[in-house]
N, C-alpha and C. Protein backbone atom coordinates (compact mmCIF):
# COMPACT_ATOMS: atom_id res chain seq x y z
N MET A 1 -16.65 -0.09 10.98
CA MET A 1 -16.16 1.19 10.54
C MET A 1 -16.38 2.21 11.65
N ASP A 2 -15.54 3.19 11.68
CA ASP A 2 -15.73 4.26 12.65
C ASP A 2 -15.81 5.59 11.91
N ASP A 3 -15.89 6.68 12.66
CA ASP A 3 -16.10 7.98 12.02
C ASP A 3 -14.91 8.50 11.25
N ARG A 4 -13.76 7.78 11.23
CA ARG A 4 -12.64 8.19 10.39
C ARG A 4 -13.01 8.12 8.92
N HIS A 5 -14.01 7.30 8.56
CA HIS A 5 -14.36 7.09 7.17
C HIS A 5 -15.48 8.00 6.68
N HIS A 6 -15.98 8.85 7.53
CA HIS A 6 -17.11 9.69 7.18
C HIS A 6 -16.86 11.12 7.61
N PRO A 7 -17.41 12.08 6.86
CA PRO A 7 -17.24 13.48 7.28
C PRO A 7 -17.98 13.72 8.59
N PRO A 8 -17.51 14.69 9.40
CA PRO A 8 -18.19 14.98 10.65
C PRO A 8 -19.58 15.55 10.39
N ARG A 9 -20.48 15.35 11.34
CA ARG A 9 -21.82 15.91 11.23
C ARG A 9 -21.73 17.42 11.32
N PRO A 10 -22.73 18.10 10.73
CA PRO A 10 -22.72 19.56 10.82
C PRO A 10 -22.64 20.01 12.28
N GLY A 11 -21.82 21.02 12.51
CA GLY A 11 -21.65 21.53 13.86
C GLY A 11 -20.64 20.76 14.69
N ARG A 12 -20.13 19.66 14.16
CA ARG A 12 -19.16 18.84 14.88
C ARG A 12 -17.87 18.82 14.09
N ARG A 13 -16.77 19.20 14.69
CA ARG A 13 -15.48 19.20 14.00
C ARG A 13 -14.48 18.40 14.79
N ARG A 14 -13.68 17.65 14.07
CA ARG A 14 -12.55 16.96 14.68
C ARG A 14 -11.30 17.57 14.13
N ALA A 15 -10.32 17.69 14.95
CA ALA A 15 -9.04 18.22 14.48
C ALA A 15 -8.40 17.20 13.54
N ALA A 16 -7.94 17.68 12.40
CA ALA A 16 -7.23 16.81 11.47
C ALA A 16 -5.84 16.56 12.02
N GLU A 17 -5.36 15.36 11.84
CA GLU A 17 -4.05 15.01 12.38
C GLU A 17 -3.35 14.07 11.42
N ARG A 18 -2.04 14.10 11.46
CA ARG A 18 -1.26 13.13 10.70
C ARG A 18 -1.36 11.80 11.40
N LEU A 19 -1.48 10.76 10.62
CA LEU A 19 -1.55 9.42 11.19
C LEU A 19 -0.37 8.59 10.70
N ILE A 20 -0.01 7.60 11.50
CA ILE A 20 0.94 6.61 11.03
C ILE A 20 0.14 5.58 10.23
N PRO A 21 0.74 4.91 9.28
CA PRO A 21 0.00 3.94 8.47
C PRO A 21 -0.59 2.82 9.33
N PRO A 22 -1.78 2.36 8.97
CA PRO A 22 -2.38 1.22 9.67
C PRO A 22 -1.50 -0.01 9.54
N SER A 23 -1.64 -0.94 10.46
CA SER A 23 -0.81 -2.13 10.47
C SER A 23 -1.31 -3.23 9.53
N ARG A 24 -2.47 -3.02 8.92
CA ARG A 24 -3.06 -4.06 8.08
C ARG A 24 -3.88 -3.46 6.96
N LEU A 25 -3.85 -4.09 5.80
CA LEU A 25 -4.74 -3.75 4.69
C LEU A 25 -6.09 -4.38 5.00
N GLU A 26 -7.14 -3.59 4.98
CA GLU A 26 -8.48 -4.11 5.27
C GLU A 26 -9.25 -4.25 3.96
N LEU A 27 -9.59 -5.47 3.62
CA LEU A 27 -10.29 -5.75 2.37
C LEU A 27 -11.77 -6.06 2.57
N THR A 28 -12.24 -6.11 3.80
CA THR A 28 -13.65 -6.35 4.06
C THR A 28 -14.16 -5.30 5.03
N ARG A 29 -15.46 -5.31 5.27
CA ARG A 29 -16.06 -4.36 6.21
C ARG A 29 -15.84 -4.77 7.65
N ARG A 30 -15.25 -5.92 7.87
CA ARG A 30 -14.98 -6.40 9.23
C ARG A 30 -13.47 -6.40 9.45
N PRO A 31 -12.96 -5.38 10.15
CA PRO A 31 -11.50 -5.28 10.36
C PRO A 31 -10.90 -6.56 10.93
N GLY A 32 -9.76 -6.96 10.35
CA GLY A 32 -9.06 -8.15 10.81
C GLY A 32 -9.58 -9.44 10.22
N VAL A 33 -10.66 -9.38 9.43
CA VAL A 33 -11.25 -10.58 8.83
C VAL A 33 -10.97 -10.55 7.33
N GLY A 34 -10.57 -11.65 6.79
CA GLY A 34 -10.31 -11.72 5.35
C GLY A 34 -8.84 -11.62 5.05
N PRO A 35 -8.51 -11.69 3.76
CA PRO A 35 -7.10 -11.67 3.35
C PRO A 35 -6.45 -10.33 3.68
N ASP A 36 -5.13 -10.36 3.74
CA ASP A 36 -4.37 -9.14 3.99
C ASP A 36 -3.54 -8.81 2.76
N ALA A 37 -2.59 -7.91 2.89
CA ALA A 37 -1.80 -7.44 1.74
C ALA A 37 -0.96 -8.54 1.11
N SER A 38 -0.71 -9.65 1.80
CA SER A 38 0.08 -10.73 1.21
C SER A 38 -0.59 -11.29 -0.05
N LEU A 39 -1.89 -11.10 -0.18
CA LEU A 39 -2.63 -11.51 -1.36
C LEU A 39 -2.05 -10.88 -2.63
N LEU A 40 -1.44 -9.70 -2.49
CA LEU A 40 -0.91 -8.96 -3.63
C LEU A 40 0.55 -9.29 -3.94
N GLY A 41 1.18 -10.11 -3.11
CA GLY A 41 2.58 -10.48 -3.34
C GLY A 41 3.53 -9.38 -2.87
N ASP A 42 4.76 -9.46 -3.35
CA ASP A 42 5.79 -8.49 -2.99
C ASP A 42 5.50 -7.17 -3.69
N LEU A 43 5.34 -6.11 -2.92
CA LEU A 43 5.01 -4.80 -3.48
C LEU A 43 6.20 -3.84 -3.49
N THR A 44 7.38 -4.33 -3.17
CA THR A 44 8.56 -3.48 -3.13
C THR A 44 8.77 -2.81 -4.49
N GLY A 45 8.69 -1.49 -4.52
CA GLY A 45 8.88 -0.74 -5.76
C GLY A 45 7.69 -0.72 -6.69
N ALA A 46 6.61 -1.41 -6.34
CA ALA A 46 5.44 -1.48 -7.21
C ALA A 46 4.65 -0.17 -7.18
N LEU A 47 3.97 0.13 -8.28
CA LEU A 47 3.05 1.25 -8.32
C LEU A 47 1.64 0.70 -8.10
N VAL A 48 1.01 1.15 -7.02
CA VAL A 48 -0.34 0.73 -6.66
C VAL A 48 -1.25 1.95 -6.78
N VAL A 49 -2.36 1.78 -7.49
CA VAL A 49 -3.33 2.85 -7.69
C VAL A 49 -4.65 2.40 -7.09
N GLU A 50 -5.20 3.21 -6.19
CA GLU A 50 -6.51 2.88 -5.61
C GLU A 50 -7.56 3.78 -6.23
N LEU A 51 -8.60 3.15 -6.75
CA LEU A 51 -9.69 3.82 -7.44
C LEU A 51 -10.85 4.00 -6.46
N GLY A 52 -10.90 5.18 -5.87
CA GLY A 52 -11.84 5.43 -4.79
C GLY A 52 -11.12 5.21 -3.48
N CYS A 53 -10.12 6.05 -3.20
CA CYS A 53 -9.21 5.81 -2.07
C CYS A 53 -9.76 6.27 -0.73
N GLY A 54 -10.85 7.03 -0.70
CA GLY A 54 -11.38 7.50 0.57
C GLY A 54 -10.32 8.27 1.34
N SER A 55 -10.17 7.93 2.60
CA SER A 55 -9.22 8.63 3.49
C SER A 55 -7.79 8.16 3.34
N GLY A 56 -7.53 7.17 2.51
CA GLY A 56 -6.16 6.75 2.20
C GLY A 56 -5.55 5.72 3.12
N HIS A 57 -6.33 5.14 4.01
CA HIS A 57 -5.78 4.20 4.99
C HIS A 57 -5.11 2.99 4.34
N ASN A 58 -5.76 2.40 3.33
CA ASN A 58 -5.19 1.20 2.69
C ASN A 58 -3.88 1.51 1.98
N LEU A 59 -3.83 2.61 1.25
CA LEU A 59 -2.59 2.95 0.56
C LEU A 59 -1.48 3.29 1.54
N ALA A 60 -1.83 3.96 2.63
CA ALA A 60 -0.82 4.27 3.64
C ALA A 60 -0.18 2.98 4.14
N HIS A 61 -0.99 1.95 4.36
CA HIS A 61 -0.43 0.66 4.79
C HIS A 61 0.49 0.09 3.71
N LEU A 62 0.08 0.17 2.46
CA LEU A 62 0.88 -0.43 1.38
C LEU A 62 2.23 0.26 1.21
N THR A 63 2.35 1.52 1.61
CA THR A 63 3.67 2.17 1.55
C THR A 63 4.63 1.50 2.52
N THR A 64 4.11 0.91 3.61
CA THR A 64 4.99 0.22 4.56
C THR A 64 5.52 -1.08 3.98
N ARG A 65 4.90 -1.54 2.89
CA ARG A 65 5.35 -2.76 2.19
C ARG A 65 6.20 -2.41 0.97
N GLY A 66 6.60 -1.14 0.86
CA GLY A 66 7.52 -0.72 -0.19
C GLY A 66 6.87 -0.20 -1.45
N ALA A 67 5.55 -0.10 -1.49
CA ALA A 67 4.86 0.34 -2.70
C ALA A 67 4.88 1.86 -2.84
N HIS A 68 4.84 2.32 -4.08
CA HIS A 68 4.59 3.72 -4.42
C HIS A 68 3.11 3.77 -4.75
N CYS A 69 2.39 4.68 -4.13
CA CYS A 69 0.93 4.64 -4.23
C CYS A 69 0.33 5.95 -4.71
N ILE A 70 -0.74 5.80 -5.50
CA ILE A 70 -1.55 6.93 -5.95
C ILE A 70 -2.99 6.61 -5.57
N GLY A 71 -3.60 7.51 -4.84
CA GLY A 71 -5.02 7.38 -4.49
C GLY A 71 -5.83 8.35 -5.32
N ILE A 72 -6.93 7.86 -5.88
CA ILE A 72 -7.81 8.68 -6.70
C ILE A 72 -9.20 8.64 -6.07
N ASP A 73 -9.82 9.81 -5.94
CA ASP A 73 -11.19 9.86 -5.46
C ASP A 73 -11.88 11.05 -6.08
N ARG A 74 -13.15 10.91 -6.40
CA ARG A 74 -13.88 12.02 -7.02
C ARG A 74 -14.48 12.95 -5.98
N ASP A 75 -14.41 12.59 -4.70
CA ASP A 75 -14.93 13.43 -3.62
C ASP A 75 -13.80 14.32 -3.10
N PRO A 76 -13.87 15.62 -3.31
CA PRO A 76 -12.77 16.50 -2.89
C PRO A 76 -12.55 16.49 -1.38
N PHE A 77 -13.61 16.28 -0.59
CA PHE A 77 -13.45 16.20 0.86
C PHE A 77 -12.56 15.01 1.23
N LYS A 78 -12.80 13.86 0.59
CA LYS A 78 -12.02 12.66 0.91
C LYS A 78 -10.55 12.83 0.50
N VAL A 79 -10.31 13.46 -0.64
CA VAL A 79 -8.92 13.69 -1.06
C VAL A 79 -8.24 14.64 -0.08
N HIS A 80 -8.92 15.69 0.32
CA HIS A 80 -8.35 16.62 1.30
C HIS A 80 -8.04 15.89 2.60
N ARG A 81 -8.97 15.08 3.05
CA ARG A 81 -8.77 14.31 4.30
C ARG A 81 -7.57 13.37 4.16
N ALA A 82 -7.48 12.66 3.05
CA ALA A 82 -6.36 11.73 2.83
C ALA A 82 -5.03 12.48 2.84
N ARG A 83 -4.99 13.63 2.18
CA ARG A 83 -3.75 14.42 2.16
C ARG A 83 -3.40 14.91 3.56
N THR A 84 -4.41 15.28 4.34
CA THR A 84 -4.16 15.75 5.70
C THR A 84 -3.62 14.62 6.57
N LEU A 85 -4.20 13.43 6.44
CA LEU A 85 -3.80 12.30 7.28
C LEU A 85 -2.48 11.68 6.85
N TYR A 86 -2.26 11.54 5.53
CA TYR A 86 -1.12 10.76 5.05
C TYR A 86 -0.26 11.48 4.01
N GLY A 87 -0.52 12.73 3.75
CA GLY A 87 0.25 13.47 2.76
C GLY A 87 1.72 13.61 3.10
N HIS A 88 2.08 13.34 4.33
CA HIS A 88 3.48 13.41 4.76
C HIS A 88 4.28 12.17 4.38
N LEU A 89 3.61 11.12 3.92
CA LEU A 89 4.32 9.89 3.55
C LEU A 89 4.96 10.07 2.17
N PRO A 90 6.23 9.75 2.04
CA PRO A 90 6.96 10.09 0.80
C PRO A 90 6.53 9.34 -0.45
N ARG A 91 5.99 8.16 -0.36
CA ARG A 91 5.65 7.38 -1.55
C ARG A 91 4.15 7.35 -1.81
N LEU A 92 3.45 8.38 -1.33
CA LEU A 92 1.99 8.39 -1.42
C LEU A 92 1.51 9.74 -1.94
N ARG A 93 0.70 9.68 -3.02
CA ARG A 93 0.10 10.90 -3.59
C ARG A 93 -1.39 10.67 -3.75
N PHE A 94 -2.14 11.75 -3.70
CA PHE A 94 -3.59 11.68 -3.87
C PHE A 94 -4.02 12.63 -4.98
N ARG A 95 -4.98 12.16 -5.80
CA ARG A 95 -5.49 12.96 -6.92
C ARG A 95 -7.01 13.03 -6.83
N HIS A 96 -7.54 14.20 -7.09
CA HIS A 96 -8.98 14.38 -7.13
C HIS A 96 -9.43 14.24 -8.58
N GLY A 97 -10.48 13.47 -8.81
CA GLY A 97 -11.03 13.36 -10.16
C GLY A 97 -11.66 12.01 -10.43
N ASP A 98 -12.12 11.87 -11.64
CA ASP A 98 -12.73 10.63 -12.11
C ASP A 98 -11.64 9.57 -12.30
N ALA A 99 -11.90 8.36 -11.80
CA ALA A 99 -10.89 7.30 -11.85
C ALA A 99 -10.46 6.98 -13.28
N SER A 100 -11.41 6.88 -14.21
CA SER A 100 -11.05 6.56 -15.61
C SER A 100 -10.16 7.65 -16.20
N ASP A 101 -10.53 8.90 -15.97
CA ASP A 101 -9.73 10.01 -16.50
C ASP A 101 -8.32 10.00 -15.91
N GLN A 102 -8.22 9.80 -14.60
CA GLN A 102 -6.92 9.80 -13.94
C GLN A 102 -6.06 8.63 -14.40
N LEU A 103 -6.67 7.46 -14.61
CA LEU A 103 -5.91 6.30 -15.10
C LEU A 103 -5.36 6.56 -16.50
N ARG A 104 -6.14 7.22 -17.33
CA ARG A 104 -5.69 7.52 -18.70
C ARG A 104 -4.51 8.48 -18.71
N ARG A 105 -4.30 9.20 -17.63
CA ARG A 105 -3.15 10.12 -17.54
C ARG A 105 -1.86 9.40 -17.17
N LEU A 106 -1.97 8.16 -16.70
CA LEU A 106 -0.77 7.38 -16.36
C LEU A 106 -0.17 6.81 -17.65
N PRO A 107 1.14 6.64 -17.68
CA PRO A 107 1.74 5.98 -18.83
C PRO A 107 1.18 4.55 -18.99
N THR A 108 0.97 4.13 -20.21
CA THR A 108 0.46 2.79 -20.49
C THR A 108 1.35 1.75 -19.84
N GLY A 109 0.73 0.80 -19.15
CA GLY A 109 1.47 -0.29 -18.53
C GLY A 109 2.32 0.09 -17.33
N SER A 110 2.03 1.20 -16.69
CA SER A 110 2.88 1.66 -15.59
C SER A 110 2.44 1.17 -14.21
N ALA A 111 1.20 0.76 -14.06
CA ALA A 111 0.70 0.33 -12.74
C ALA A 111 0.88 -1.17 -12.57
N ASP A 112 1.30 -1.54 -11.37
CA ASP A 112 1.44 -2.97 -11.04
C ASP A 112 0.17 -3.53 -10.43
N VAL A 113 -0.54 -2.70 -9.68
CA VAL A 113 -1.77 -3.11 -9.00
C VAL A 113 -2.75 -1.96 -9.02
N CYS A 114 -4.02 -2.26 -9.31
CA CYS A 114 -5.10 -1.30 -9.13
C CYS A 114 -6.09 -1.91 -8.14
N LEU A 115 -6.53 -1.09 -7.21
CA LEU A 115 -7.46 -1.53 -6.17
C LEU A 115 -8.76 -0.75 -6.27
N SER A 116 -9.86 -1.43 -6.02
CA SER A 116 -11.15 -0.77 -5.83
C SER A 116 -11.81 -1.49 -4.67
N ILE A 117 -11.55 -1.01 -3.47
CA ILE A 117 -12.08 -1.63 -2.25
C ILE A 117 -13.30 -0.82 -1.84
N PHE A 118 -14.46 -1.28 -2.27
CA PHE A 118 -15.71 -0.53 -2.13
C PHE A 118 -15.54 0.85 -2.77
N GLY A 119 -14.77 0.90 -3.83
CA GLY A 119 -14.40 2.16 -4.48
C GLY A 119 -15.11 2.37 -5.79
N ALA A 120 -14.38 2.84 -6.78
CA ALA A 120 -14.95 3.31 -8.05
C ALA A 120 -15.81 2.24 -8.74
N PHE A 121 -15.41 0.99 -8.69
CA PHE A 121 -16.21 -0.04 -9.37
C PHE A 121 -17.56 -0.25 -8.71
N SER A 122 -17.76 0.29 -7.52
CA SER A 122 -19.06 0.23 -6.84
C SER A 122 -20.00 1.32 -7.32
N PHE A 123 -19.46 2.34 -8.02
CA PHE A 123 -20.27 3.52 -8.29
C PHE A 123 -20.37 3.95 -9.75
N VAL A 124 -19.58 3.38 -10.62
CA VAL A 124 -19.58 3.83 -12.02
C VAL A 124 -19.83 2.65 -12.96
N ALA A 125 -20.13 2.98 -14.20
CA ALA A 125 -20.27 1.95 -15.23
C ALA A 125 -18.93 1.23 -15.38
N PRO A 126 -18.91 -0.08 -15.33
CA PRO A 126 -17.63 -0.79 -15.30
C PRO A 126 -16.85 -0.79 -16.61
N ARG A 127 -17.51 -0.75 -17.75
CA ARG A 127 -16.80 -0.90 -19.03
C ARG A 127 -15.72 0.16 -19.25
N PRO A 128 -16.02 1.48 -19.13
CA PRO A 128 -14.94 2.46 -19.35
C PRO A 128 -13.85 2.38 -18.30
N LEU A 129 -14.23 2.05 -17.08
CA LEU A 129 -13.23 1.95 -16.01
C LEU A 129 -12.35 0.72 -16.22
N LEU A 130 -12.93 -0.39 -16.66
CA LEU A 130 -12.12 -1.58 -16.95
C LEU A 130 -11.14 -1.30 -18.09
N ALA A 131 -11.59 -0.60 -19.12
CA ALA A 131 -10.71 -0.29 -20.25
C ALA A 131 -9.55 0.60 -19.80
N ALA A 132 -9.84 1.61 -18.99
CA ALA A 132 -8.78 2.51 -18.50
C ALA A 132 -7.83 1.76 -17.58
N THR A 133 -8.37 0.86 -16.76
CA THR A 133 -7.53 0.07 -15.85
C THR A 133 -6.62 -0.87 -16.64
N ALA A 134 -7.18 -1.54 -17.64
CA ALA A 134 -6.38 -2.46 -18.46
C ALA A 134 -5.25 -1.72 -19.16
N ASN A 135 -5.49 -0.49 -19.58
CA ASN A 135 -4.46 0.31 -20.23
C ASN A 135 -3.36 0.71 -19.24
N ALA A 136 -3.74 1.01 -18.02
CA ALA A 136 -2.77 1.46 -17.01
C ALA A 136 -1.95 0.31 -16.44
N LEU A 137 -2.52 -0.89 -16.38
CA LEU A 137 -1.82 -2.03 -15.79
C LEU A 137 -0.78 -2.61 -16.74
N ARG A 138 0.35 -3.02 -16.19
CA ARG A 138 1.37 -3.72 -16.96
C ARG A 138 0.88 -5.15 -17.19
N PRO A 139 1.40 -5.85 -18.19
CA PRO A 139 1.08 -7.27 -18.34
C PRO A 139 1.48 -8.00 -17.05
N GLY A 140 0.58 -8.80 -16.54
CA GLY A 140 0.80 -9.49 -15.27
C GLY A 140 0.35 -8.68 -14.06
N GLY A 141 -0.03 -7.41 -14.28
CA GLY A 141 -0.53 -6.58 -13.19
C GLY A 141 -1.87 -7.08 -12.69
N GLN A 142 -2.22 -6.67 -11.49
CA GLN A 142 -3.44 -7.17 -10.86
C GLN A 142 -4.46 -6.07 -10.63
N LEU A 143 -5.73 -6.42 -10.79
CA LEU A 143 -6.85 -5.58 -10.41
C LEU A 143 -7.60 -6.31 -9.31
N LEU A 144 -7.68 -5.68 -8.14
CA LEU A 144 -8.40 -6.26 -7.02
C LEU A 144 -9.66 -5.41 -6.80
N ILE A 145 -10.81 -6.05 -6.87
CA ILE A 145 -12.10 -5.38 -6.67
C ILE A 145 -12.81 -6.02 -5.50
N VAL A 146 -13.29 -5.19 -4.57
CA VAL A 146 -14.12 -5.66 -3.47
C VAL A 146 -15.45 -4.92 -3.56
N LEU A 147 -16.53 -5.70 -3.61
CA LEU A 147 -17.89 -5.16 -3.69
C LEU A 147 -18.74 -5.75 -2.57
N ARG A 148 -19.75 -5.03 -2.18
CA ARG A 148 -20.70 -5.55 -1.19
C ARG A 148 -21.63 -6.53 -1.88
N ALA A 149 -21.71 -7.76 -1.36
CA ALA A 149 -22.64 -8.75 -1.90
C ALA A 149 -24.02 -8.53 -1.30
N ASP A 150 -24.07 -8.33 -0.01
CA ASP A 150 -25.29 -8.03 0.72
C ASP A 150 -24.90 -7.38 2.04
N ASP A 151 -25.80 -7.31 2.98
CA ASP A 151 -25.50 -6.62 4.24
C ASP A 151 -24.42 -7.30 5.07
N HIS A 152 -24.13 -8.56 4.79
CA HIS A 152 -23.19 -9.30 5.63
C HIS A 152 -22.02 -9.93 4.88
N HIS A 153 -22.02 -9.85 3.57
CA HIS A 153 -20.98 -10.51 2.78
C HIS A 153 -20.40 -9.57 1.74
N ASP A 154 -19.13 -9.80 1.42
CA ASP A 154 -18.44 -9.01 0.42
C ASP A 154 -17.88 -9.94 -0.65
N TYR A 155 -17.83 -9.46 -1.91
CA TYR A 155 -17.18 -10.18 -3.00
C TYR A 155 -15.78 -9.61 -3.17
N LEU A 156 -14.80 -10.47 -3.27
CA LEU A 156 -13.43 -10.07 -3.53
C LEU A 156 -12.98 -10.79 -4.79
N THR A 157 -12.54 -10.03 -5.79
CA THR A 157 -12.10 -10.59 -7.05
C THR A 157 -10.73 -10.04 -7.40
N VAL A 158 -9.82 -10.90 -7.82
CA VAL A 158 -8.50 -10.47 -8.30
C VAL A 158 -8.36 -10.92 -9.74
N LEU A 159 -8.12 -9.97 -10.62
CA LEU A 159 -7.94 -10.26 -12.05
C LEU A 159 -6.49 -9.94 -12.41
N THR A 160 -5.93 -10.70 -13.33
CA THR A 160 -4.56 -10.48 -13.79
C THR A 160 -4.58 -10.02 -15.22
N ARG A 161 -3.84 -8.96 -15.52
CA ARG A 161 -3.77 -8.41 -16.88
C ARG A 161 -2.91 -9.31 -17.75
N ARG A 162 -3.39 -9.66 -18.91
CA ARG A 162 -2.62 -10.48 -19.86
C ARG A 162 -1.64 -9.63 -20.60
């Protein structure tokens, strides 16, 4: 990871800039290692929601695969940063707030994929978030969760909504 994922230290400012989407979806803490976006199948026209989107890099990449994306984060700094970096992309929106609350605002069964890549499932009680995710996902939709197993390994789980 580099300093793109963290706020600058006090007294240190970097100019915010628009970025082009990254060339790869990163699902682990080691860039270039592990599965890529092909794990999710064809995303053309799909609605992808990231729960804990951070700076928006992963969703920005998924827009290049034809997805319509919504990033949710409870940290207002991260949402502001994501909007600054990728708010110019036409199929990408960012929302500030609690992931469960934001998912409940989506129409039932409207999401094709929900992602939590070291995101909301790492920080909140899973039961209410799972219920909100299940409500937002269409039948056959996928929930991809990546959690830290330890200092050197990550758990990646993909669940399919019945």
